[in-house]
Amino acid sequence: MIILILYIAIFIASFALIRIGLRKFMRRNDFTSLKTVTFGDESAVRPDRWASVISVVTVFVLWGAFTGSKWVPVHAPGPFIGETSFTYTLQGPDGATDDATVHARVFEVGRNVDPPEIAPGEGFAKNDSIVVGAWRSELLLMDKNDDVTRKDGARVVAIDGQPVSPGDTVRVADGTVAITSKGSLNFAPAKGMQMEPIWLPPPESVVSRVGEIASQGYQNFTLWEHLYWSLFRVIVGFFFGALVGIPLGYAMGLSDWFRGWFDPIVEFMRPVPPLALIPLVIIWAGIGETGKIILLFLAALWIMTISARAGVSGVAISKVHAAYSLGASKWQLMRYVIMPNSLPEIFTGARVAMGVCWGTVVAAELVAAEKGAGMMIMVASRFQLTDIVIMGIILIGIIGYGIDILMRKAENWLVPWKGRV
């Protein structure tokens, strides 16, 4: 919640500084900047590069600040590490009370630390010591060395002077102490606002994993082999999905018979998530590469079909009438009117389908895959190797974003008339 609030605050501050404060110095005077109508014209709204840079930097800084990264200059308050203590009051069966101090040594997880040596004291409640890792908690059987124990009827009635009973939790100097239902003490040092590495490692840990797996490999394959096989499966599945889906979409957009025949099938399969088809694909095609390709093919097929159908249906009727009035044949109408005007919709669908395929490849590689980015992520998650999981997610996102950029460039080259006619 705090991270979200900070993110929104940075967004508002950046917008105010860049778009309002520096407006005079950044005003464009090109043709696009002079357009007054932007709705329906994609070329009139272009991404602000300053906003993109600040957005990426903001995400990186917040990531580093809340994970204690050495790569960022500011950090959120971290977990307590060091020496601390609290006092509990033990009440005997006769009503007499005595205080004992618990000395706690909080250490970084992964280190070997000995408990502090302390004198037991002279009362029937003896001083004690514990060691506990940061972000962890430790159960203290405080009466294991007391002269009067819980079996004798003794019970803890106060922590640092605060009255307590079983089930209560009280705040002490550097953490909290909970009283269990059986009367034991559970000490949890203050966790601060930083994320534990097992949940979210710092950026440098993720980057170091890239170099390690790129040189040494993971699960018998190098990083590049994992990424190659994921990319290969996505491209092949998308290719066949487009190869079948685009002609089918054209047929549905041009023929009422094809539309009536295939529309129930397409509209039925469109909302079905590809993940739901995994058991059926295993039954049909086994657990080899064919099954993975089929799953990605089905993920792309319906999207490409609908985008091609929408492209054909969206052609302005005035253009069709103009072509016929000039003596165009049906083939010429298809070649020079319908196909050029439907390509923008098809490219939009292709970008969406490629994103869905990348999202599906992780699930596709669950089907007994020996290599692939999805397999790497899933295996790492079983061993709680969060840095490898995040590394795989980031690399999949970077590759997917790179493919989307290439598809945009191809669209600009192949469909230069988009937004202009």
Foldseek 3Di string as FASTA:
>chain_A
DVLVVVLVVLLVVQCCCVCPVCVVVPQDDDPLSPDPDDPPFPVNDDDDVVSVVSNVVSVQQSLCQQQVHPVHDHHFDAFDAAKDKKKWWKAAPVRDIDIEMEIEGEHAPPDDDDWDDDFQDDAQQGYYYYYYYAVGKDWDLRNPPGNGHVVRVMATQDMNNHGDDAQDWDDDDFFIWHQHPSRIIMTHGGGTRHDDVLVRHRPVLLVVVLVVQQVPNDLPHGPVQQAVVLVVLLVLLLVLLLVPQLVLLLCLQPDVVSVVVCVVVLVVLVVPQLLVCLVVLCVVPNLDSVSLSPSLNSLLNSLLNNLNNCQQNPFDVVVVVVCVVVPDDPVRCVVPGSVLSSVVSNLVSSLVSSVSSLVCSLSSCVSPHSGHLSVQLVVCVVVSVVSSNVSSVVVSVVVSVVVNVVSVVVCCVVRVCVSPD
